[in-house]
All heavy atoms as atom14 arrays in JSON, in Angstrom:
{
  "sequence": "MSQNFTPPAPDSFTAAPAPARSGNIGLAILGAAVTALVAGAAYGGLM",
  "atom14_mask": [
    [1, 1, 1, 1, 1, 1, 1, 1, 0, 0, 0, 0, 0, 0],
    [1, 1, 1, 1, 1, 1, 0, 0, 0, 0, 0, 0, 0, 0],
    [1, 1, 1, 1, 1, 1, 1, 1, 1, 0, 0, 0, 0, 0],
    [1, 1, 1, 1, 1, 1, 1, 1, 0, 0, 0, 0, 0, 0],
    [1, 1, 1, 1, 1, 1, 1, 1, 1, 1, 1, 0, 0, 0],
    [1, 1, 1, 1, 1, 1, 1, 0, 0, 0, 0, 0, 0, 0],
    [1, 1, 1, 1, 1, 1, 1, 0, 0, 0, 0, 0, 0, 0],
    [1, 1, 1, 1, 1, 1, 1, 0, 0, 0, 0, 0, 0, 0],
    [1, 1, 1, 1, 1, 0, 0, 0, 0, 0, 0, 0, 0, 0],
    [1, 1, 1, 1, 1, 1, 1, 0, 0, 0, 0, 0, 0, 0],
    [1, 1, 1, 1, 1, 1, 1, 1, 0, 0, 0, 0, 0, 0],
    [1, 1, 1, 1, 1, 1, 0, 0, 0, 0, 0, 0, 0, 0],
    [1, 1, 1, 1, 1, 1, 1, 1, 1, 1, 1, 0, 0, 0],
    [1, 1, 1, 1, 1, 1, 1, 0, 0, 0, 0, 0, 0, 0],
    [1, 1, 1, 1, 1, 0, 0, 0, 0, 0, 0, 0, 0, 0],
    [1, 1, 1, 1, 1, 0, 0, 0, 0, 0, 0, 0, 0, 0],
    [1, 1, 1, 1, 1, 1, 1, 0, 0, 0, 0, 0, 0, 0],
    [1, 1, 1, 1, 1, 0, 0, 0, 0, 0, 0, 0, 0, 0],
    [1, 1, 1, 1, 1, 1, 1, 0, 0, 0, 0, 0, 0, 0],
    [1, 1, 1, 1, 1, 0, 0, 0, 0, 0, 0, 0, 0, 0],
    [1, 1, 1, 1, 1, 1, 1, 1, 1, 1, 1, 0, 0, 0],
    [1, 1, 1, 1, 1, 1, 0, 0, 0, 0, 0, 0, 0, 0],
    [1, 1, 1, 1, 0, 0, 0, 0, 0, 0, 0, 0, 0, 0],
    [1, 1, 1, 1, 1, 1, 1, 1, 0, 0, 0, 0, 0, 0],
    [1, 1, 1, 1, 1, 1, 1, 1, 0, 0, 0, 0, 0, 0],
    [1, 1, 1, 1, 0, 0, 0, 0, 0, 0, 0, 0, 0, 0],
    [1, 1, 1, 1, 1, 1, 1, 1, 0, 0, 0, 0, 0, 0],
    [1, 1, 1, 1, 1, 0, 0, 0, 0, 0, 0, 0, 0, 0],
    [1, 1, 1, 1, 1, 1, 1, 1, 0, 0, 0, 0, 0, 0],
    [1, 1, 1, 1, 1, 1, 1, 1, 0, 0, 0, 0, 0, 0],
    [1, 1, 1, 1, 0, 0, 0, 0, 0, 0, 0, 0, 0, 0],
    [1, 1, 1, 1, 1, 0, 0, 0, 0, 0, 0, 0, 0, 0],
    [1, 1, 1, 1, 1, 0, 0, 0, 0, 0, 0, 0, 0, 0],
    [1, 1, 1, 1, 1, 1, 1, 0, 0, 0, 0, 0, 0, 0],
    [1, 1, 1, 1, 1, 1, 1, 0, 0, 0, 0, 0, 0, 0],
    [1, 1, 1, 1, 1, 0, 0, 0, 0, 0, 0, 0, 0, 0],
    [1, 1, 1, 1, 1, 1, 1, 1, 0, 0, 0, 0, 0, 0],
    [1, 1, 1, 1, 1, 1, 1, 0, 0, 0, 0, 0, 0, 0],
    [1, 1, 1, 1, 1, 0, 0, 0, 0, 0, 0, 0, 0, 0],
    [1, 1, 1, 1, 0, 0, 0, 0, 0, 0, 0, 0, 0, 0],
    [1, 1, 1, 1, 1, 0, 0, 0, 0, 0, 0, 0, 0, 0],
    [1, 1, 1, 1, 1, 0, 0, 0, 0, 0, 0, 0, 0, 0],
    [1, 1, 1, 1, 1, 1, 1, 1, 1, 1, 1, 1, 0, 0],
    [1, 1, 1, 1, 0, 0, 0, 0, 0, 0, 0, 0, 0, 0],
    [1, 1, 1, 1, 0, 0, 0, 0, 0, 0, 0, 0, 0, 0],
    [1, 1, 1, 1, 1, 1, 1, 1, 0, 0, 0, 0, 0, 0],
    [1, 1, 1, 1, 1, 1, 1, 1, 0, 0, 0, 0, 0, 0]
  ],
  "atom14_positions": [
    [[42.62, 28.31, 9.17], [42.2, 27.46, 10.22], [41.34, 26.35, 9.61], [40.2, 26.56, 9.24], [41.43, 28.34, 11.17], [40.88, 27.68, 12.29], [40.3, 29.05, 13.27], [39.86, 28.32, 14.62], [0.0, 0.0, 0.0], [0.0, 0.0, 0.0], [0.0, 0.0, 0.0], [0.0, 0.0, 0.0], [0.0, 0.0, 0.0], [0.0, 0.0, 0.0]],
    [[41.82, 25.22, 9.49], [41.11, 24.1, 8.91], [40.79, 23.1, 10.01], [41.6, 22.86, 10.88], [41.9, 23.46, 7.8], [43.01, 22.79, 8.33], [0.0, 0.0, 0.0], [0.0, 0.0, 0.0], [0.0, 0.0, 0.0], [0.0, 0.0, 0.0], [0.0, 0.0, 0.0], [0.0, 0.0, 0.0], [0.0, 0.0, 0.0], [0.0, 0.0, 0.0]],
    [[39.64, 22.55, 9.89], [39.22, 21.56, 10.88], [38.98, 20.24, 10.16], [38.45, 20.2, 9.06], [37.93, 21.99, 11.56], [38.09, 23.22, 12.38], [36.76, 23.61, 13.03], [35.74, 23.07, 12.69], [36.82, 24.54, 13.96], [0.0, 0.0, 0.0], [0.0, 0.0, 0.0], [0.0, 0.0, 0.0], [0.0, 0.0, 0.0], [0.0, 0.0, 0.0]],
    [[39.36, 19.21, 10.77], [39.08, 17.89, 10.24], [37.76, 17.41, 10.84], [37.64, 17.3, 12.04], [40.19, 16.9, 10.61], [41.45, 17.22, 9.84], [41.39, 17.89, 8.82], [42.57, 16.73, 10.34], [0.0, 0.0, 0.0], [0.0, 0.0, 0.0], [0.0, 0.0, 0.0], [0.0, 0.0, 0.0], [0.0, 0.0, 0.0], [0.0, 0.0, 0.0]],
    [[36.8, 17.16, 9.95], [35.5, 16.7, 10.42], [35.2, 15.36, 9.78], [35.23, 15.21, 8.57], [34.39, 17.71, 10.04], [33.01, 17.25, 10.43], [32.63, 17.27, 11.76], [32.12, 16.79, 9.5], [31.38, 16.86, 12.13], [30.86, 16.36, 9.85], [30.48, 16.4, 11.19], [0.0, 0.0, 0.0], [0.0, 0.0, 0.0], [0.0, 0.0, 0.0]],
    [[34.9, 14.41, 10.58], [34.55, 13.1, 10.1], [33.06, 12.89, 10.35], [32.59, 13.05, 11.47], [35.32, 12.01, 10.87], [36.68, 12.41, 10.96], [35.2, 10.68, 10.18], [0.0, 0.0, 0.0], [0.0, 0.0, 0.0], [0.0, 0.0, 0.0], [0.0, 0.0, 0.0], [0.0, 0.0, 0.0], [0.0, 0.0, 0.0], [0.0, 0.0, 0.0]],
    [[32.31, 12.59, 9.27], [30.88, 12.39, 9.47], [30.64, 11.15, 10.33], [31.44, 10.22, 10.34], [30.31, 12.19, 8.06], [31.47, 11.83, 7.23], [32.69, 12.4, 7.88], [0.0, 0.0, 0.0], [0.0, 0.0, 0.0], [0.0, 0.0, 0.0], [0.0, 0.0, 0.0], [0.0, 0.0, 0.0], [0.0, 0.0, 0.0], [0.0, 0.0, 0.0]],
    [[29.54, 11.15, 11.07], [29.27, 9.99, 11.93], [28.98, 8.74, 11.1], [28.48, 8.82, 9.99], [28.04, 10.41, 12.74], [27.39, 11.47, 11.93], [28.5, 12.16, 11.17], [0.0, 0.0, 0.0], [0.0, 0.0, 0.0], [0.0, 0.0, 0.0], [0.0, 0.0, 0.0], [0.0, 0.0, 0.0], [0.0, 0.0, 0.0], [0.0, 0.0, 0.0]],
    [[29.33, 7.64, 11.65], [29.08, 6.35, 10.98], [27.58, 6.07, 10.98], [26.88, 6.44, 11.92], [29.83, 5.24, 11.7], [0.0, 0.0, 0.0], [0.0, 0.0, 0.0], [0.0, 0.0, 0.0], [0.0, 0.0, 0.0], [0.0, 0.0, 0.0], [0.0, 0.0, 0.0], [0.0, 0.0, 0.0], [0.0, 0.0, 0.0], [0.0, 0.0, 0.0]],
    [[27.11, 5.44, 9.92], [25.66, 5.13, 9.91], [25.35, 4.13, 11.02], [26.09, 3.19, 11.26], [25.43, 4.52, 8.54], [26.76, 4.1, 8.06], [27.78, 4.97, 8.75], [0.0, 0.0, 0.0], [0.0, 0.0, 0.0], [0.0, 0.0, 0.0], [0.0, 0.0, 0.0], [0.0, 0.0, 0.0], [0.0, 0.0, 0.0], [0.0, 0.0, 0.0]],
    [[24.24, 4.41, 11.69], [23.89, 3.49, 12.77], [23.17, 2.26, 12.21], [22.65, 2.27, 11.11], [23.05, 4.16, 13.87], [22.04, 5.14, 13.37], [22.16, 5.56, 12.22], [21.15, 5.5, 14.15], [0.0, 0.0, 0.0], [0.0, 0.0, 0.0], [0.0, 0.0, 0.0], [0.0, 0.0, 0.0], [0.0, 0.0, 0.0], [0.0, 0.0, 0.0]],
    [[23.2, 1.26, 12.98], [22.62, 0.0, 12.51], [21.09, -0.01, 12.61], [20.45, -0.96, 12.22], [23.2, -1.16, 13.32], [22.85, -0.97, 14.68], [0.0, 0.0, 0.0], [0.0, 0.0, 0.0], [0.0, 0.0, 0.0], [0.0, 0.0, 0.0], [0.0, 0.0, 0.0], [0.0, 0.0, 0.0], [0.0, 0.0, 0.0], [0.0, 0.0, 0.0]],
    [[20.51, 1.05, 13.14], [19.06, 1.11, 13.3], [18.42, 1.96, 12.22], [17.46, 2.66, 12.43], [18.72, 1.67, 14.69], [17.26, 1.59, 14.99], [16.64, 0.37, 15.19], [16.49, 2.72, 15.05], [15.29, 0.29, 15.46], [15.12, 2.66, 15.32], [14.53, 1.44, 15.53], [0.0, 0.0, 0.0], [0.0, 0.0, 0.0], [0.0, 0.0, 0.0]],
    [[18.91, 1.89, 10.99], [18.3, 2.6, 9.88], [17.08, 1.82, 9.41], [17.16, 0.63, 9.14], [19.3, 2.75, 8.71], [20.49, 3.34, 9.21], [18.72, 3.6, 7.61], [0.0, 0.0, 0.0], [0.0, 0.0, 0.0], [0.0, 0.0, 0.0], [0.0, 0.0, 0.0], [0.0, 0.0, 0.0], [0.0, 0.0, 0.0], [0.0, 0.0, 0.0]],
    [[15.95, 2.51, 9.34], [14.7, 1.84, 8.97], [14.72, 1.47, 7.49], [15.05, 2.28, 6.64], [13.52, 2.76, 9.26], [0.0, 0.0, 0.0], [0.0, 0.0, 0.0], [0.0, 0.0, 0.0], [0.0, 0.0, 0.0], [0.0, 0.0, 0.0], [0.0, 0.0, 0.0], [0.0, 0.0, 0.0], [0.0, 0.0, 0.0], [0.0, 0.0, 0.0]],
    [[14.36, 0.24, 7.22], [14.27, -0.23, 5.84], [12.93, 0.22, 5.26], [11.95, 0.38, 5.99], [14.38, -1.74, 5.8], [0.0, 0.0, 0.0], [0.0, 0.0, 0.0], [0.0, 0.0, 0.0], [0.0, 0.0, 0.0], [0.0, 0.0, 0.0], [0.0, 0.0, 0.0], [0.0, 0.0, 0.0], [0.0, 0.0, 0.0], [0.0, 0.0, 0.0]],
    [[12.89, 0.44, 3.95], [11.6, 0.82, 3.37], [10.56, -0.3, 3.53], [10.9, -1.48, 3.52], [11.92, 1.06, 1.89], [13.21, 0.37, 1.65], [13.93, 0.34, 2.97], [0.0, 0.0, 0.0], [0.0, 0.0, 0.0], [0.0, 0.0, 0.0], [0.0, 0.0, 0.0], [0.0, 0.0, 0.0], [0.0, 0.0, 0.0], [0.0, 0.0, 0.0]],
    [[9.34, 0.09, 3.68], [8.26, -0.88, 3.88], [8.06, -1.68, 2.59], [8.14, -1.13, 1.49], [6.97, -0.17, 4.24], [0.0, 0.0, 0.0], [0.0, 0.0, 0.0], [0.0, 0.0, 0.0], [0.0, 0.0, 0.0], [0.0, 0.0, 0.0], [0.0, 0.0, 0.0], [0.0, 0.0, 0.0], [0.0, 0.0, 0.0], [0.0, 0.0, 0.0]],
    [[7.79, -2.97, 2.71], [7.56, -3.77, 1.5], [6.24, -3.36, 0.84], [5.32, -2.89, 1.49], [7.48, -5.21, 2.02], [7.12, -5.07, 3.46], [7.72, -3.77, 3.91], [0.0, 0.0, 0.0], [0.0, 0.0, 0.0], [0.0, 0.0, 0.0], [0.0, 0.0, 0.0], [0.0, 0.0, 0.0], [0.0, 0.0, 0.0], [0.0, 0.0, 0.0]],
    [[6.19, -3.55, -0.45], [4.98, -3.22, -1.19], [3.84, -4.13, -0.75], [4.04, -5.32, -0.51], [5.21, -3.36, -2.69], [0.0, 0.0, 0.0], [0.0, 0.0, 0.0], [0.0, 0.0, 0.0], [0.0, 0.0, 0.0], [0.0, 0.0, 0.0], [0.0, 0.0, 0.0], [0.0, 0.0, 0.0], [0.0, 0.0, 0.0], [0.0, 0.0, 0.0]],
    [[2.66, -3.56, -0.65], [1.51, -4.33, -0.22], [1.08, -5.27, -1.34], [0.83, -4.86, -2.46], [0.37, -3.39, 0.13], [-0.82, -4.09, 0.67], [-1.82, -3.1, 1.21], [-2.98, -3.83, 1.66], [-4.19, -3.67, 1.16], [-4.4, -2.77, 0.25], [-5.19, -4.37, 1.61], [0.0, 0.0, 0.0], [0.0, 0.0, 0.0], [0.0, 0.0, 0.0]],
    [[0.99, -6.54, -1.01], [0.65, -7.52, -2.04], [-0.84, -7.69, -2.21], [-1.31, -8.07, -3.27], [1.29, -8.87, -1.7], [0.77, -9.35, -0.48], [0.0, 0.0, 0.0], [0.0, 0.0, 0.0], [0.0, 0.0, 0.0], [0.0, 0.0, 0.0], [0.0, 0.0, 0.0], [0.0, 0.0, 0.0], [0.0, 0.0, 0.0], [0.0, 0.0, 0.0]],
    [[-1.62, -7.41, -1.21], [-3.06, -7.52, -1.32], [-3.57, -8.87, -0.84], [-2.82, -9.81, -0.62], [0.0, 0.0, 0.0], [0.0, 0.0, 0.0], [0.0, 0.0, 0.0], [0.0, 0.0, 0.0], [0.0, 0.0, 0.0], [0.0, 0.0, 0.0], [0.0, 0.0, 0.0], [0.0, 0.0, 0.0], [0.0, 0.0, 0.0], [0.0, 0.0, 0.0]],
    [[-4.85, -8.95, -0.7], [-5.52, -10.15, -0.22], [-6.51, -10.59, -1.29], [-7.51, -9.93, -1.52], [-6.23, -9.82, 1.1], [-6.89, -11.01, 1.73], [-7.12, -12.03, 1.08], [-7.19, -10.88, 3.01], [0.0, 0.0, 0.0], [0.0, 0.0, 0.0], [0.0, 0.0, 0.0], [0.0, 0.0, 0.0], [0.0, 0.0, 0.0], [0.0, 0.0, 0.0]],
    [[-6.24, -11.7, -1.94], [-7.06, -12.14, -3.06], [-8.46, -12.54, -2.6], [-9.44, -12.3, -3.3], [-6.37, -13.28, -3.86], [-7.13, -13.57, -5.15], [-6.25, -14.53, -3.01], [-7.05, -12.48, -6.16], [0.0, 0.0, 0.0], [0.0, 0.0, 0.0], [0.0, 0.0, 0.0], [0.0, 0.0, 0.0], [0.0, 0.0, 0.0], [0.0, 0.0, 0.0]],
    [[-8.57, -13.12, -1.42], [-9.89, -13.49, -0.91], [-10.77, -12.28, -0.66], [-11.95, -12.25, -1.02], [0.0, 0.0, 0.0], [0.0, 0.0, 0.0], [0.0, 0.0, 0.0], [0.0, 0.0, 0.0], [0.0, 0.0, 0.0], [0.0, 0.0, 0.0], [0.0, 0.0, 0.0], [0.0, 0.0, 0.0], [0.0, 0.0, 0.0], [0.0, 0.0, 0.0]],
    [[-10.18, -11.26, -0.07], [-10.91, -10.02, 0.17], [-11.24, -9.32, -1.15], [-12.31, -8.73, -1.29], [-10.09, -9.1, 1.07], [-10.77, -7.84, 1.58], [-12.0, -8.2, 2.4], [-9.79, -7.03, 2.42], [0.0, 0.0, 0.0], [0.0, 0.0, 0.0], [0.0, 0.0, 0.0], [0.0, 0.0, 0.0], [0.0, 0.0, 0.0], [0.0, 0.0, 0.0]],
    [[-10.34, -9.43, -2.11], [-10.59, -8.83, -3.43], [-11.77, -9.52, -4.12], [-12.62, -8.84, -4.72], [-9.34, -8.94, -4.3], [0.0, 0.0, 0.0], [0.0, 0.0, 0.0], [0.0, 0.0, 0.0], [0.0, 0.0, 0.0], [0.0, 0.0, 0.0], [0.0, 0.0, 0.0], [0.0, 0.0, 0.0], [0.0, 0.0, 0.0], [0.0, 0.0, 0.0]],
    [[-11.86, -10.83, -4.02], [-12.98, -11.56, -4.63], [-14.29, -11.16, -3.96], [-15.28, -10.86, -4.63], [-12.75, -13.08, -4.53], [-11.58, -13.49, -5.42], [-14.01, -13.85, -4.91], [-11.13, -14.92, -5.21], [0.0, 0.0, 0.0], [0.0, 0.0, 0.0], [0.0, 0.0, 0.0], [0.0, 0.0, 0.0], [0.0, 0.0, 0.0], [0.0, 0.0, 0.0]],
    [[-14.28, -11.12, -2.64], [-15.49, -10.75, -1.91], [-15.91, -9.31, -2.21], [-17.08, -9.04, -2.51], [-15.28, -10.93, -0.4], [-16.46, -10.56, 0.49], [-17.63, -11.5, 0.23], [-16.05, -10.59, 1.94], [0.0, 0.0, 0.0], [0.0, 0.0, 0.0], [0.0, 0.0, 0.0], [0.0, 0.0, 0.0], [0.0, 0.0, 0.0], [0.0, 0.0, 0.0]],
    [[-14.96, -8.4, -2.16], [-15.28, -7.0, -2.43], [-15.75, -6.77, -3.86], [-16.69, -6.01, -4.11], [0.0, 0.0, 0.0], [0.0, 0.0, 0.0], [0.0, 0.0, 0.0], [0.0, 0.0, 0.0], [0.0, 0.0, 0.0], [0.0, 0.0, 0.0], [0.0, 0.0, 0.0], [0.0, 0.0, 0.0], [0.0, 0.0, 0.0], [0.0, 0.0, 0.0]],
    [[-15.11, -7.43, -4.81], [-15.51, -7.27, -6.21], [-16.88, -7.89, -6.46], [-17.67, -7.36, -7.24], [-14.46, -7.9, -7.12], [0.0, 0.0, 0.0], [0.0, 0.0, 0.0], [0.0, 0.0, 0.0], [0.0, 0.0, 0.0], [0.0, 0.0, 0.0], [0.0, 0.0, 0.0], [0.0, 0.0, 0.0], [0.0, 0.0, 0.0], [0.0, 0.0, 0.0]],
    [[-17.18, -9.01, -5.79], [-18.5, -9.63, -5.96], [-19.6, -8.74, -5.4], [-20.65, -8.56, -6.04], [-18.52, -10.99, -5.27], [0.0, 0.0, 0.0], [0.0, 0.0, 0.0], [0.0, 0.0, 0.0], [0.0, 0.0, 0.0], [0.0, 0.0, 0.0], [0.0, 0.0, 0.0], [0.0, 0.0, 0.0], [0.0, 0.0, 0.0], [0.0, 0.0, 0.0]],
    [[-19.36, -8.16, -4.24], [-20.36, -7.24, -3.66], [-20.51, -6.01, -4.55], [-21.63, -5.55, -4.81], [-19.95, -6.85, -2.22], [-20.81, -5.71, -1.69], [-20.05, -8.06, -1.31], [0.0, 0.0, 0.0], [0.0, 0.0, 0.0], [0.0, 0.0, 0.0], [0.0, 0.0, 0.0], [0.0, 0.0, 0.0], [0.0, 0.0, 0.0], [0.0, 0.0, 0.0]],
    [[-19.41, -5.5, -5.04], [-19.46, -4.34, -5.94], [-20.21, -4.67, -7.22], [-20.98, -3.85, -7.73], [-18.04, -3.84, -6.27], [-17.37, -3.53, -5.05], [-18.08, -2.62, -7.15], [0.0, 0.0, 0.0], [0.0, 0.0, 0.0], [0.0, 0.0, 0.0], [0.0, 0.0, 0.0], [0.0, 0.0, 0.0], [0.0, 0.0, 0.0], [0.0, 0.0, 0.0]],
    [[-20.0, -5.86, -7.76], [-20.7, -6.27, -8.98], [-22.21, -6.31, -8.75], [-22.98, -5.86, -9.6], [-20.21, -7.64, -9.44], [0.0, 0.0, 0.0], [0.0, 0.0, 0.0], [0.0, 0.0, 0.0], [0.0, 0.0, 0.0], [0.0, 0.0, 0.0], [0.0, 0.0, 0.0], [0.0, 0.0, 0.0], [0.0, 0.0, 0.0], [0.0, 0.0, 0.0]],
    [[-22.63, -6.82, -7.61], [-24.06, -6.89, -7.31], [-24.66, -5.49, -7.1], [-25.74, -5.19, -7.6], [-24.32, -7.78, -6.11], [-24.11, -9.26, -6.34], [-24.32, -10.04, -5.04], [-25.03, -9.78, -7.42], [0.0, 0.0, 0.0], [0.0, 0.0, 0.0], [0.0, 0.0, 0.0], [0.0, 0.0, 0.0], [0.0, 0.0, 0.0], [0.0, 0.0, 0.0]],
    [[-23.95, -4.66, -6.36], [-24.47, -3.31, -6.09], [-24.48, -2.47, -7.36], [-25.48, -1.81, -7.68], [-23.64, -2.63, -4.97], [-24.01, -1.17, -4.83], [-23.84, -3.36, -3.65], [0.0, 0.0, 0.0], [0.0, 0.0, 0.0], [0.0, 0.0, 0.0], [0.0, 0.0, 0.0], [0.0, 0.0, 0.0], [0.0, 0.0, 0.0], [0.0, 0.0, 0.0]],
    [[-23.4, -2.5, -8.11], [-23.34, -1.72, -9.35], [-24.32, -2.29, -10.38], [-24.95, -1.54, -11.13], [-21.92, -1.71, -9.91], [0.0, 0.0, 0.0], [0.0, 0.0, 0.0], [0.0, 0.0, 0.0], [0.0, 0.0, 0.0], [0.0, 0.0, 0.0], [0.0, 0.0, 0.0], [0.0, 0.0, 0.0], [0.0, 0.0, 0.0], [0.0, 0.0, 0.0]],
    [[-24.46, -3.61, -10.43], [-25.44, -4.22, -11.33], [-26.86, -3.84, -10.95], [-27.7, -3.6, -11.83], [0.0, 0.0, 0.0], [0.0, 0.0, 0.0], [0.0, 0.0, 0.0], [0.0, 0.0, 0.0], [0.0, 0.0, 0.0], [0.0, 0.0, 0.0], [0.0, 0.0, 0.0], [0.0, 0.0, 0.0], [0.0, 0.0, 0.0], [0.0, 0.0, 0.0]],
    [[-27.13, -3.76, -9.66], [-28.46, -3.33, -9.22], [-28.72, -1.88, -9.6], [-29.83, -1.53, -10.03], [-28.6, -3.52, -7.71], [0.0, 0.0, 0.0], [0.0, 0.0, 0.0], [0.0, 0.0, 0.0], [0.0, 0.0, 0.0], [0.0, 0.0, 0.0], [0.0, 0.0, 0.0], [0.0, 0.0, 0.0], [0.0, 0.0, 0.0], [0.0, 0.0, 0.0]],
    [[-27.71, -1.04, -9.48], [-27.87, 0.36, -9.91], [-28.1, 0.43, -11.41], [-28.94, 1.21, -11.89], [-26.64, 1.16, -9.51], [0.0, 0.0, 0.0], [0.0, 0.0, 0.0], [0.0, 0.0, 0.0], [0.0, 0.0, 0.0], [0.0, 0.0, 0.0], [0.0, 0.0, 0.0], [0.0, 0.0, 0.0], [0.0, 0.0, 0.0], [0.0, 0.0, 0.0]],
    [[-27.37, -0.38, -12.16], [-27.54, -0.44, -13.61], [-28.94, -0.91, -13.98], [-29.61, -0.32, -14.83], [-26.47, -1.38, -14.18], [-26.51, -1.6, -15.67], [-26.54, -0.53, -16.56], [-26.49, -2.88, -16.2], [-26.55, -0.75, -17.94], [-26.49, -3.1, -17.56], [-26.53, -2.03, -18.43], [-26.55, -2.25, -19.78], [0.0, 0.0, 0.0], [0.0, 0.0, 0.0]],
    [[-29.41, -1.96, -13.32], [-30.75, -2.46, -13.57], [-31.83, -1.49, -13.15], [-32.84, -1.33, -13.84], [0.0, 0.0, 0.0], [0.0, 0.0, 0.0], [0.0, 0.0, 0.0], [0.0, 0.0, 0.0], [0.0, 0.0, 0.0], [0.0, 0.0, 0.0], [0.0, 0.0, 0.0], [0.0, 0.0, 0.0], [0.0, 0.0, 0.0], [0.0, 0.0, 0.0]],
    [[-31.62, -0.81, -12.03], [-32.58, 0.19, -11.6], [-32.68, 1.35, -12.58], [-33.78, 1.84, -12.87], [0.0, 0.0, 0.0], [0.0, 0.0, 0.0], [0.0, 0.0, 0.0], [0.0, 0.0, 0.0], [0.0, 0.0, 0.0], [0.0, 0.0, 0.0], [0.0, 0.0, 0.0], [0.0, 0.0, 0.0], [0.0, 0.0, 0.0], [0.0, 0.0, 0.0]],
    [[-31.54, 1.74, -13.11], [-31.52, 2.81, -14.12], [-32.23, 2.36, -15.39], [-33.06, 3.1, -15.93], [-30.08, 3.21, -14.43], [-29.88, 4.27, -15.5], [-30.44, 5.61, -15.01], [-28.41, 4.4, -15.84], [0.0, 0.0, 0.0], [0.0, 0.0, 0.0], [0.0, 0.0, 0.0], [0.0, 0.0, 0.0], [0.0, 0.0, 0.0], [0.0, 0.0, 0.0]],
    [[-31.94, 1.15, -15.85], [-32.6, 0.65, -17.05], [-34.1, 0.47, -16.83], [-34.9, 0.76, -17.71], [-32.01, -0.7, -17.49], [-30.67, -0.6, -18.15], [-30.15, -2.14, -18.93], [-30.19, -3.3, -17.58], [0.0, 0.0, 0.0], [0.0, 0.0, 0.0], [0.0, 0.0, 0.0], [0.0, 0.0, 0.0], [0.0, 0.0, 0.0], [0.0, 0.0, 0.0]]
  ]
}
């Protein structure tokens, strides 16, 4: 007893993978500057 089975066709609503996050250079500059001041203050306080 053999059955013919045809898999369903792919639907057109297949989710595409999310694009890689490129980042925000302005936010990176601001965050790195704040981090530099805070980490530098910790370094100076330790010294």
